[in-house]
């Protein structure tokens, strides 16, 4: 009985904090390696460049890569409640700020659930416009716990690549959003073609258009496709989001951001 009361109290605290945030968007993928963290970081950074106050919650406990992509890998914090300020408009929290570098997280389900609840309950985001949540791949415990605690009106974006194996798992993520009553903003196709750095020609290494076809079949919005470019890899490794550069990928993502804003502000 005591545990149920304690859990309910924690959920109420989380609900109060989430209610101060205008838009909560979970970035999901059916499988790993499709560029979910890259999209999370660049979407958040792109929104901040437009003047919105944005927070990023790096909720991928086993692979917290967000700090690396923002150029703050190795940063360690003592105060769990205060997110790290990347810019005046962008703040981030990640488990990597509080754990030894290069140490694997070998936790069972209850430990992971406890850590996620502690993050959601403890971090003071304040009254921000957007909270972008970089979820772990799949539809397991962590994803479910966060989806159930982001509060009313939380939304999701599904990221996939064009191959059939990725699309198969992404369909499950789309259905997951429906089952947990989370509004799906739409689907983004990552690695949609490769732009040759020498000639600028686009080659469909992993095929192209699979996500758009899937979106049409499942009657959800297709937000757009982003090609592979050398600049994306270089930007991620150097801690500079590629949305801040001028490239085909950055222009494609900028269009996607406009679509997201138009859809959620209607």
C-alpha atoms as a PDB file:
ATOM      1  CA  UNK A   1       0.000   0.000   0.000  1.00  0.00           C
ATOM      2  CA  UNK A   2       2.825   2.376   0.956  1.00  0.00           C
ATOM      3  CA  UNK A   3       4.570   1.758  -2.366  1.00  0.00           C
ATOM      4  CA  UNK A   4       1.385   2.531  -4.309  1.00  0.00           C
ATOM      5  CA  UNK A   5       0.933   5.817  -2.427  1.00  0.00           C
ATOM      6  CA  UNK A   6       4.577   6.747  -3.021  1.00  0.00           C
ATOM      7  CA  UNK A   7       4.302   5.954  -6.740  1.00  0.00           C
ATOM      8  CA  UNK A   8       1.121   7.998  -7.035  1.00  0.00           C
ATOM      9  CA  UNK A   9       2.811  10.926  -5.304  1.00  0.00           C
ATOM     10  CA  UNK A  10       5.746  10.748  -7.705  1.00  0.00           C
ATOM     11  CA  UNK A  11       3.428  10.625 -10.698  1.00  0.00           C
ATOM     12  CA  UNK A  12       1.609  13.724  -9.449  1.00  0.00           C
ATOM     13  CA  UNK A  13       4.906  15.614  -9.137  1.00  0.00           C
ATOM     14  CA  UNK A  14       5.891  14.565 -12.644  1.00  0.00           C
ATOM     15  CA  UNK A  15       2.492  15.620 -13.971  1.00  0.00           C
ATOM     16  CA  UNK A  16       2.886  19.066 -12.400  1.00  0.00           C
ATOM     17  CA  UNK A  17       6.292  19.535 -14.028  1.00  0.00           C
ATOM     18  CA  UNK A  18       5.166  18.281 -17.411  1.00  0.00           C
ATOM     19  CA  UNK A  19       2.153  20.623 -17.332  1.00  0.00           C
ATOM     20  CA  UNK A  20       4.531  23.611 -17.442  1.00  0.00           C
ATOM     21  CA  UNK A  21       5.952  22.449 -20.774  1.00  0.00           C
ATOM     22  CA  UNK A  22       3.948  23.521 -23.814  1.00  0.00           C
ATOM     23  CA  UNK A  23       4.874  20.668 -26.164  1.00  0.00           C
ATOM     24  CA  UNK A  24       6.398  17.291 -25.299  1.00  0.00           C
ATOM     25  CA  UNK A  25       7.650  15.290 -28.279  1.00  0.00           C
ATOM     26  CA  UNK A  26       9.057  11.761 -27.946  1.00  0.00           C
ATOM     27  CA  UNK A  27      11.386  10.679 -30.759  1.00  0.00           C
ATOM     28  CA  UNK A  28      10.882   6.958 -31.336  1.00  0.00           C
ATOM     29  CA  UNK A  29      12.335   4.246 -33.543  1.00  0.00           C
ATOM     30  CA  UNK A  30      11.472   0.613 -33.985  1.00  0.00           C
ATOM     31  CA  UNK A  31      15.147  -0.352 -34.043  1.00  0.00           C
ATOM     32  CA  UNK A  32      18.546   1.135 -33.292  1.00  0.00           C
ATOM     33  CA  UNK A  33      20.915   2.736 -35.768  1.00  0.00           C
ATOM     34  CA  UNK A  34      18.351   4.754 -37.731  1.00  0.00           C
ATOM     35  CA  UNK A  35      19.548   8.193 -36.601  1.00  0.00           C
ATOM     36  CA  UNK A  36      17.031   8.837 -33.832  1.00  0.00           C
ATOM     37  CA  UNK A  37      19.474  10.681 -31.553  1.00  0.00           C
ATOM     38  CA  UNK A  38      20.774  12.719 -34.491  1.00  0.00           C
ATOM     39  CA  UNK A  39      17.237  13.811 -35.327  1.00  0.00           C
ATOM     40  CA  UNK A  40      16.462  14.568 -31.658  1.00  0.00           C
ATOM     41  CA  UNK A  41      19.491  16.840 -31.286  1.00  0.00           C
ATOM     42  CA  UNK A  42      19.053  18.639 -34.587  1.00  0.00           C
ATOM     43  CA  UNK A  43      15.303  19.070 -34.179  1.00  0.00           C
ATOM     44  CA  UNK A  44      15.839  20.567 -30.722  1.00  0.00           C
ATOM     45  CA  UNK A  45      18.677  22.783 -31.918  1.00  0.00           C
ATOM     46  CA  UNK A  46      16.674  23.898 -34.950  1.00  0.00           C
ATOM     47  CA  UNK A  47      13.715  24.850 -32.756  1.00  0.00           C
ATOM     48  CA  UNK A  48      16.018  26.833 -30.468  1.00  0.00           C
ATOM     49  CA  UNK A  49      17.407  28.723 -33.486  1.00  0.00           C
ATOM     50  CA  UNK A  50      13.827  29.806 -34.204  1.00  0.00           C
ATOM     51  CA  UNK A  51      13.596  31.378 -30.760  1.00  0.00           C
ATOM     52  CA  UNK A  52      11.830  28.621 -28.829  1.00  0.00           C
ATOM     53  CA  UNK A  53      13.015  27.574 -25.363  1.00  0.00           C
ATOM     54  CA  UNK A  54      13.866  23.897 -25.713  1.00  0.00           C
ATOM     55  CA  UNK A  55      14.949  21.028 -23.468  1.00  0.00           C
ATOM     56  CA  UNK A  56      16.373  17.657 -24.532  1.00  0.00           C
ATOM     57  CA  UNK A  57      15.881  14.621 -22.332  1.00  0.00           C
ATOM     58  CA  UNK A  58      18.396  11.925 -23.272  1.00  0.00           C
ATOM     59  CA  UNK A  59      16.386   8.889 -22.147  1.00  0.00           C
ATOM     60  CA  UNK A  60      18.440   6.224 -23.937  1.00  0.00           C
ATOM     61  CA  UNK A  61      20.028   4.795 -20.793  1.00  0.00           C
ATOM     62  CA  UNK A  62      22.302   2.303 -22.535  1.00  0.00           C
ATOM     63  CA  UNK A  63      23.500   4.651 -25.250  1.00  0.00           C
ATOM     64  CA  UNK A  64      23.314   8.293 -24.110  1.00  0.00           C
ATOM     65  CA  UNK A  65      24.832   9.952 -27.199  1.00  0.00           C
ATOM     66  CA  UNK A  66      23.179  13.381 -27.024  1.00  0.00           C
ATOM     67  CA  UNK A  67      26.042  15.080 -25.113  1.00  0.00           C
ATOM     68  CA  UNK A  68      28.581  13.956 -27.745  1.00  0.00           C
ATOM     69  CA  UNK A  69      26.461  15.444 -30.528  1.00  0.00           C
ATOM     70  CA  UNK A  70      26.240  18.745 -28.650  1.00  0.00           C
ATOM     71  CA  UNK A  71      29.967  18.957 -27.911  1.00  0.00           C
ATOM     72  CA  UNK A  72      29.585  18.392 -24.163  1.00  0.00           C
ATOM     73  CA  UNK A  73      30.675  14.750 -23.851  1.00  0.00           C
ATOM     74  CA  UNK A  74      32.586  14.250 -20.591  1.00  0.00           C
ATOM     75  CA  UNK A  75      30.684  16.942 -18.685  1.00  0.00           C
ATOM     76  CA  UNK A  76      29.862  15.812 -15.142  1.00  0.00           C
ATOM     77  CA  UNK A  77      27.226  17.458 -12.957  1.00  0.00           C
ATOM     78  CA  UNK A  78      26.482  17.199  -9.246  1.00  0.00           C
ATOM     79  CA  UNK A  79      23.003  18.723  -9.169  1.00  0.00           C
ATOM     80  CA  UNK A  80      20.509  16.342 -10.757  1.00  0.00           C
ATOM     81  CA  UNK A  81      17.744  18.947 -10.854  1.00  0.00           C
ATOM     82  CA  UNK A  82      19.463  21.464 -13.124  1.00  0.00           C
ATOM     83  CA  UNK A  83      19.776  20.702 -16.851  1.00  0.00           C
ATOM     84  CA  UNK A  84      22.985  21.712 -18.619  1.00  0.00           C
ATOM     85  CA  UNK A  85      22.599  24.959 -20.569  1.00  0.00           C
ATOM     86  CA  UNK A  86      23.980  24.517 -24.090  1.00  0.00           C
ATOM     87  CA  UNK A  87      22.758  27.955 -25.201  1.00  0.00           C
ATOM     88  CA  UNK A  88      20.339  30.508 -23.771  1.00  0.00           C
ATOM     89  CA  UNK A  89      17.550  28.686 -25.600  1.00  0.00           C
ATOM     90  CA  UNK A  90      18.650  25.065 -25.261  1.00  0.00           C
ATOM     91  CA  UNK A  91      19.178  22.878 -22.194  1.00  0.00           C
ATOM     92  CA  UNK A  92      19.810  19.153 -21.856  1.00  0.00           C
ATOM     93  CA  UNK A  93      19.945  16.420 -19.264  1.00  0.00           C
ATOM     94  CA  UNK A  94      21.480  12.982 -19.714  1.00  0.00           C
ATOM     95  CA  UNK A  95      22.431  10.070 -17.507  1.00  0.00           C
ATOM     96  CA  UNK A  96      25.957  10.398 -18.899  1.00  0.00           C
ATOM     97  CA  UNK A  97      26.374  13.571 -16.791  1.00  0.00           C
ATOM     98  CA  UNK A  98      26.184  11.475 -13.619  1.00  0.00           C
ATOM     99  CA  UNK A  99      27.901   8.189 -14.465  1.00  0.00           C
ATOM    100  CA  UNK A 100      31.569   7.281 -15.050  1.00  0.00           C
ATOM    101  CA  UNK A 101      32.565   7.608 -18.693  1.00  0.00           C
ATOM    102  CA  UNK A 102      32.708   4.410 -20.782  1.00  0.00           C
ATOM    103  CA  UNK A 103      31.024   2.358 -18.039  1.00  0.00           C
ATOM    104  CA  UNK A 104      28.174   0.142 -19.288  1.00  0.00           C
ATOM    105  CA  UNK A 105      24.806   0.325 -17.535  1.00  0.00           C
ATOM    106  CA  UNK A 106      24.041  -3.219 -16.396  1.00  0.00           C
ATOM    107  CA  UNK A 107      20.604  -2.711 -14.874  1.00  0.00           C
ATOM    108  CA  UNK A 108      17.487  -4.825 -14.709  1.00  0.00           C
ATOM    109  CA  UNK A 109      14.056  -3.444 -15.554  1.00  0.00           C
ATOM    110  CA  UNK A 110      13.094  -2.071 -12.107  1.00  0.00           C
ATOM    111  CA  UNK A 111      16.390  -0.157 -11.829  1.00  0.00           C
ATOM    112  CA  UNK A 112      15.867   1.417 -15.227  1.00  0.00           C
ATOM    113  CA  UNK A 113      12.272   2.328 -14.413  1.00  0.00           C
ATOM    114  CA  UNK A 114      13.431   3.891 -11.147  1.00  0.00           C
ATOM    115  CA  UNK A 115      16.088   5.964 -12.933  1.00  0.00           C
ATOM    116  CA  UNK A 116      13.597   7.221 -15.504  1.00  0.00           C
ATOM    117  CA  UNK A 117      11.049   8.179 -12.843  1.00  0.00           C
ATOM    118  CA  UNK A 118      13.785   9.984 -10.909  1.00  0.00           C
ATOM    119  CA  UNK A 119      14.792  11.947 -14.004  1.00  0.00           C
ATOM    120  CA  UNK A 120      11.207  12.897 -14.842  1.00  0.00           C
ATOM    121  CA  UNK A 121      10.488  13.861 -11.240  1.00  0.00           C
ATOM    122  CA  UNK A 122      13.763  15.582 -10.411  1.00  0.00           C
ATOM    123  CA  UNK A 123      14.744  17.721 -13.390  1.00  0.00           C
ATOM    124  CA  UNK A 124      13.563  21.350 -13.233  1.00  0.00           C
ATOM    125  CA  UNK A 125      12.866  22.348 -16.834  1.00  0.00           C
ATOM    126  CA  UNK A 126      10.744  25.325 -15.951  1.00  0.00           C
ATOM    127  CA  UNK A 127       8.232  26.779 -18.403  1.00  0.00           C
ATOM    128  CA  UNK A 128       9.768  25.825 -21.741  1.00  0.00           C
ATOM    129  CA  UNK A 129       8.190  25.597 -25.176  1.00  0.00           C
ATOM    130  CA  UNK A 130       9.449  22.152 -26.228  1.00  0.00           C
ATOM    131  CA  UNK A 131      10.797  19.065 -24.504  1.00  0.00           C
ATOM    132  CA  UNK A 132      12.360  16.681 -27.023  1.00  0.00           C
ATOM    133  CA  UNK A 133      12.759  13.177 -25.589  1.00  0.00           C
ATOM    134  CA  UNK A 134      15.318  10.883 -27.215  1.00  0.00           C
ATOM    135  CA  UNK A 135      13.893   7.440 -26.438  1.00  0.00           C
ATOM    136  CA  UNK A 136      15.710   4.108 -26.587  1.00  0.00           C
ATOM    137  CA  UNK A 137      14.827   1.975 -29.636  1.00  0.00           C
ATOM    138  CA  UNK A 138      11.854  -0.371 -29.462  1.00  0.00           C
ATOM    139  CA  UNK A 139       8.685  -0.406 -27.379  1.00  0.00           C
ATOM    140  CA  UNK A 140       9.967  -1.834 -24.089  1.00  0.00           C
ATOM    141  CA  UNK A 141       9.877  -0.785 -20.449  1.00  0.00           C
ATOM    142  CA  UNK A 142      11.718   2.546 -20.772  1.00  0.00           C
ATOM    143  CA  UNK A 143       9.657   3.730 -23.730  1.00  0.00           C
ATOM    144  CA  UNK A 144       6.390   2.754 -22.051  1.00  0.00           C
ATOM    145  CA  UNK A 145       7.311   4.401 -18.723  1.00  0.00           C
ATOM    146  CA  UNK A 146       8.163   7.698 -20.390  1.00  0.00           C
ATOM    147  CA  UNK A 147       5.141   7.664 -22.701  1.00  0.00           C
ATOM    148  CA  UNK A 148       2.832   7.115 -19.722  1.00  0.00           C
ATOM    149  CA  UNK A 149       4.400   9.936 -17.701  1.00  0.00           C
ATOM    150  CA  UNK A 150       4.891  12.748 -20.212  1.00  0.00           C
ATOM    151  CA  UNK A 151       1.382  13.914 -19.468  1.00  0.00           C
ATOM    152  CA  UNK A 152      -1.638  14.920 -21.480  1.00  0.00           C
ATOM    153  CA  UNK A 153      -1.058  16.109 -24.998  1.00  0.00           C
ATOM    154  CA  UNK A 154       2.334  14.457 -25.419  1.00  0.00           C
ATOM    155  CA  UNK A 155       3.267  13.676 -28.995  1.00  0.00           C
ATOM    156  CA  UNK A 156       5.605  11.385 -30.912  1.00  0.00           C
ATOM    157  CA  UNK A 157       7.654  11.269 -34.094  1.00  0.00           C
ATOM    158  CA  UNK A 158       8.755   7.920 -35.530  1.00  0.00           C
ATOM    159  CA  UNK A 159      12.163   7.759 -37.236  1.00  0.00           C
ATOM    160  CA  UNK A 160      13.029   5.039 -39.710  1.00  0.00           C
ATOM    161  CA  UNK A 161      15.279   4.244 -42.644  1.00  0.00           C
ATOM    162  CA  UNK A 162      13.964   3.005 -45.999  1.00  0.00           C
ATOM    163  CA  UNK A 163      14.895  -0.691 -45.682  1.00  0.00           C
ATOM    164  CA  UNK A 164      12.127  -3.228 -45.110  1.00  0.00           C
ATOM    165  CA  UNK A 165      13.691  -4.484 -41.848  1.00  0.00           C
ATOM    166  CA  UNK A 166      13.555  -0.973 -40.352  1.00  0.00           C
ATOM    167  CA  UNK A 167      10.079  -0.283 -41.684  1.00  0.00           C
ATOM    168  CA  UNK A 168       8.738  -3.506 -40.180  1.00  0.00           C
ATOM    169  CA  UNK A 169       9.814  -2.414 -36.689  1.00  0.00           C
ATOM    170  CA  UNK A 170       8.686   1.172 -37.276  1.00  0.00           C
ATOM    171  CA  UNK A 171       5.129  -0.012 -37.902  1.00  0.00           C
ATOM    172  CA  UNK A 172       5.151  -1.307 -34.328  1.00  0.00           C
ATOM    173  CA  UNK A 173       6.211   2.121 -33.042  1.00  0.00           C
ATOM    174  CA  UNK A 174       3.327   3.737 -34.920  1.00  0.00           C
ATOM    175  CA  UNK A 175       0.868   1.293 -33.330  1.00  0.00           C
ATOM    176  CA  UNK A 176       2.522   1.814 -29.931  1.00  0.00           C
ATOM    177  CA  UNK A 177       1.683   5.538 -30.060  1.00  0.00           C
ATOM    178  CA  UNK A 178      -1.950   4.716 -30.760  1.00  0.00           C
ATOM    179  CA  UNK A 179      -2.149   2.202 -27.913  1.00  0.00           C
ATOM    180  CA  UNK A 180      -0.754   4.653 -25.322  1.00  0.00           C
ATOM    181  CA  UNK A 181      -2.898   7.548 -26.620  1.00  0.00           C
ATOM    182  CA  UNK A 182       0.104   9.553 -27.773  1.00  0.00           C
ATOM    183  CA  UNK A 183      -0.556  11.759 -30.780  1.00  0.00           C
ATOM    184  CA  UNK A 184       1.718  10.797 -33.667  1.00  0.00           C
ATOM    185  CA  UNK A 185       2.939  13.914 -35.472  1.00  0.00           C
ATOM    186  CA  UNK A 186       4.354  11.839 -38.296  1.00  0.00           C
ATOM    187  CA  UNK A 187       7.192   9.779 -39.732  1.00  0.00           C
ATOM    188  CA  UNK A 188      10.671  10.886 -40.824  1.00  0.00           C
ATOM    189  CA  UNK A 189      12.797   8.837 -43.228  1.00  0.00           C
ATOM    190  CA  UNK A 190      16.491   9.094 -42.350  1.00  0.00           C
ATOM    191  CA  UNK A 191      19.389   7.977 -44.590  1.00  0.00           C
ATOM    192  CA  UNK A 192      17.111   8.512 -47.571  1.00  0.00           C
ATOM    193  CA  UNK A 193      19.741   8.408 -50.274  1.00  0.00           C
ATOM    194  CA  UNK A 194      23.408   9.410 -50.095  1.00  0.00           C
ATOM    195  CA  UNK A 195      24.693  12.730 -51.413  1.00  0.00           C
ATOM    196  CA  UNK A 196      28.105  12.317 -53.077  1.00  0.00           C
ATOM    197  CA  UNK A 197      30.481  14.948 -51.636  1.00  0.00           C
ATOM    198  CA  UNK A 198      32.338  15.173 -54.975  1.00  0.00           C
ATOM    199  CA  UNK A 199      29.576  15.527 -57.563  1.00  0.00           C
ATOM    200  CA  UNK A 200      26.511  16.251 -55.429  1.00  0.00           C
ATOM    201  CA  UNK A 201      24.577  13.405 -57.025  1.00  0.00           C
ATOM    202  CA  UNK A 202      22.153  11.497 -54.801  1.00  0.00           C
ATOM    203  CA  UNK A 203      22.364   7.699 -54.751  1.00  0.00           C
ATOM    204  CA  UNK A 204      19.715   5.491 -53.071  1.00  0.00           C
ATOM    205  CA  UNK A 205      22.007   3.176 -51.098  1.00  0.00           C
ATOM    206  CA  UNK A 206      19.273   1.988 -48.716  1.00  0.00           C
ATOM    207  CA  UNK A 207      16.448   2.459 -51.226  1.00  0.00           C
ATOM    208  CA  UNK A 208      14.141   5.444 -50.843  1.00  0.00           C
ATOM    209  CA  UNK A 209      10.493   6.208 -50.248  1.00  0.00           C
ATOM    210  CA  UNK A 210       9.647   3.237 -48.024  1.00  0.00           C
ATOM    211  CA  UNK A 211       8.618   5.440 -45.087  1.00  0.00           C
ATOM    212  CA  UNK A 212       6.348   7.584 -47.234  1.00  0.00           C
ATOM    213  CA  UNK A 213       4.623   4.465 -48.564  1.00  0.00           C
ATOM    214  CA  UNK A 214       4.266   3.084 -45.016  1.00  0.00           C
ATOM    215  CA  UNK A 215       2.818   6.386 -43.779  1.00  0.00           C
ATOM    216  CA  UNK A 216       0.245   6.328 -46.565  1.00  0.00           C
ATOM    217  CA  UNK A 217      -0.732   2.728 -45.794  1.00  0.00           C
ATOM    218  CA  UNK A 218      -1.070   3.458 -42.064  1.00  0.00           C
ATOM    219  CA  UNK A 219      -2.824   6.783 -42.684  1.00  0.00           C
ATOM    220  CA  UNK A 220      -0.326   8.918 -40.786  1.00  0.00           C
ATOM    221  CA  UNK A 221       1.568  12.008 -41.913  1.00  0.00           C
ATOM    222  CA  UNK A 222       4.892  11.719 -43.701  1.00  0.00           C
ATOM    223  CA  UNK A 223       7.027  14.647 -42.533  1.00  0.00           C
ATOM    224  CA  UNK A 224       9.892  14.259 -44.979  1.00  0.00           C
ATOM    225  CA  UNK A 225      13.141  12.512 -45.813  1.00  0.00           C
ATOM    226  CA  UNK A 226      16.734  13.386 -44.934  1.00  0.00           C
ATOM    227  CA  UNK A 227      19.622  12.085 -47.072  1.00  0.00           C
ATOM    228  CA  UNK A 228      22.976  10.876 -45.794  1.00  0.00           C
ATOM    229  CA  UNK A 229      25.723  13.468 -46.133  1.00  0.00           C
ATOM    230  CA  UNK A 230      29.332  13.536 -44.973  1.00  0.00           C
ATOM    231  CA  UNK A 231      28.540  16.794 -43.167  1.00  0.00           C
ATOM    232  CA  UNK A 232      26.087  14.984 -40.854  1.00  0.00           C
ATOM    233  CA  UNK A 233      28.782  12.603 -39.585  1.00  0.00           C
ATOM    234  CA  UNK A 234      31.347  15.374 -39.243  1.00  0.00           C
ATOM    235  CA  UNK A 235      28.884  17.611 -37.416  1.00  0.00           C
ATOM    236  CA  UNK A 236      27.832  14.866 -34.991  1.00  0.00           C
ATOM    237  CA  UNK A 237      31.407  13.901 -34.126  1.00  0.00           C
ATOM    238  CA  UNK A 238      32.476  17.525 -33.666  1.00  0.00           C
ATOM    239  CA  UNK A 239      29.512  18.396 -31.445  1.00  0.00           C
ATOM    240  CA  UNK A 240      27.989  20.853 -33.895  1.00  0.00           C
ATOM    241  CA  UNK A 241      24.411  20.053 -34.997  1.00  0.00           C
ATOM    242  CA  UNK A 242      24.229  19.908 -38.792  1.00  0.00           C
ATOM    243  CA  UNK A 243      21.063  22.032 -38.796  1.00  0.00           C
ATOM    244  CA  UNK A 244      23.362  24.990 -38.091  1.00  0.00           C
ATOM    245  CA  UNK A 245      25.214  24.441 -41.398  1.00  0.00           C
ATOM    246  CA  UNK A 246      24.085  24.950 -44.987  1.00  0.00           C
ATOM    247  CA  UNK A 247      23.578  21.573 -46.618  1.00  0.00           C
ATOM    248  CA  UNK A 248      20.911  19.543 -48.385  1.00  0.00           C
ATOM    249  CA  UNK A 249      20.196  17.667 -45.140  1.00  0.00           C
ATOM    250  CA  UNK A 250      19.874  20.850 -43.068  1.00  0.00           C
ATOM    251  CA  UNK A 251      17.478  22.389 -45.584  1.00  0.00           C
ATOM    252  CA  UNK A 252      15.379  19.200 -45.636  1.00  0.00           C
ATOM    253  CA  UNK A 253      15.236  19.128 -41.836  1.00  0.00           C
ATOM    254  CA  UNK A 254      14.345  22.832 -41.706  1.00  0.00           C
ATOM    255  CA  UNK A 255      11.311  22.059 -43.888  1.00  0.00           C
ATOM    256  CA  UNK A 256      10.378  19.178 -41.572  1.00  0.00           C
ATOM    257  CA  UNK A 257      10.606  21.489 -38.545  1.00  0.00           C
ATOM    258  CA  UNK A 258       8.232  23.932 -40.217  1.00  0.00           C
ATOM    259  CA  UNK A 259       5.752  21.106 -40.832  1.00  0.00           C
ATOM    260  CA  UNK A 260       5.979  20.021 -37.170  1.00  0.00           C
ATOM    261  CA  UNK A 261       5.361  23.547 -35.891  1.00  0.00           C
ATOM    262  CA  UNK A 262       2.437  24.069 -38.290  1.00  0.00           C
ATOM    263  CA  UNK A 263       0.830  20.793 -37.251  1.00  0.00           C
ATOM    264  CA  UNK A 264       1.098  21.159 -33.473  1.00  0.00           C
ATOM    265  CA  UNK A 265       0.165  24.856 -33.353  1.00  0.00           C
ATOM    266  CA  UNK A 266      -3.043  24.399 -35.354  1.00  0.00           C
END
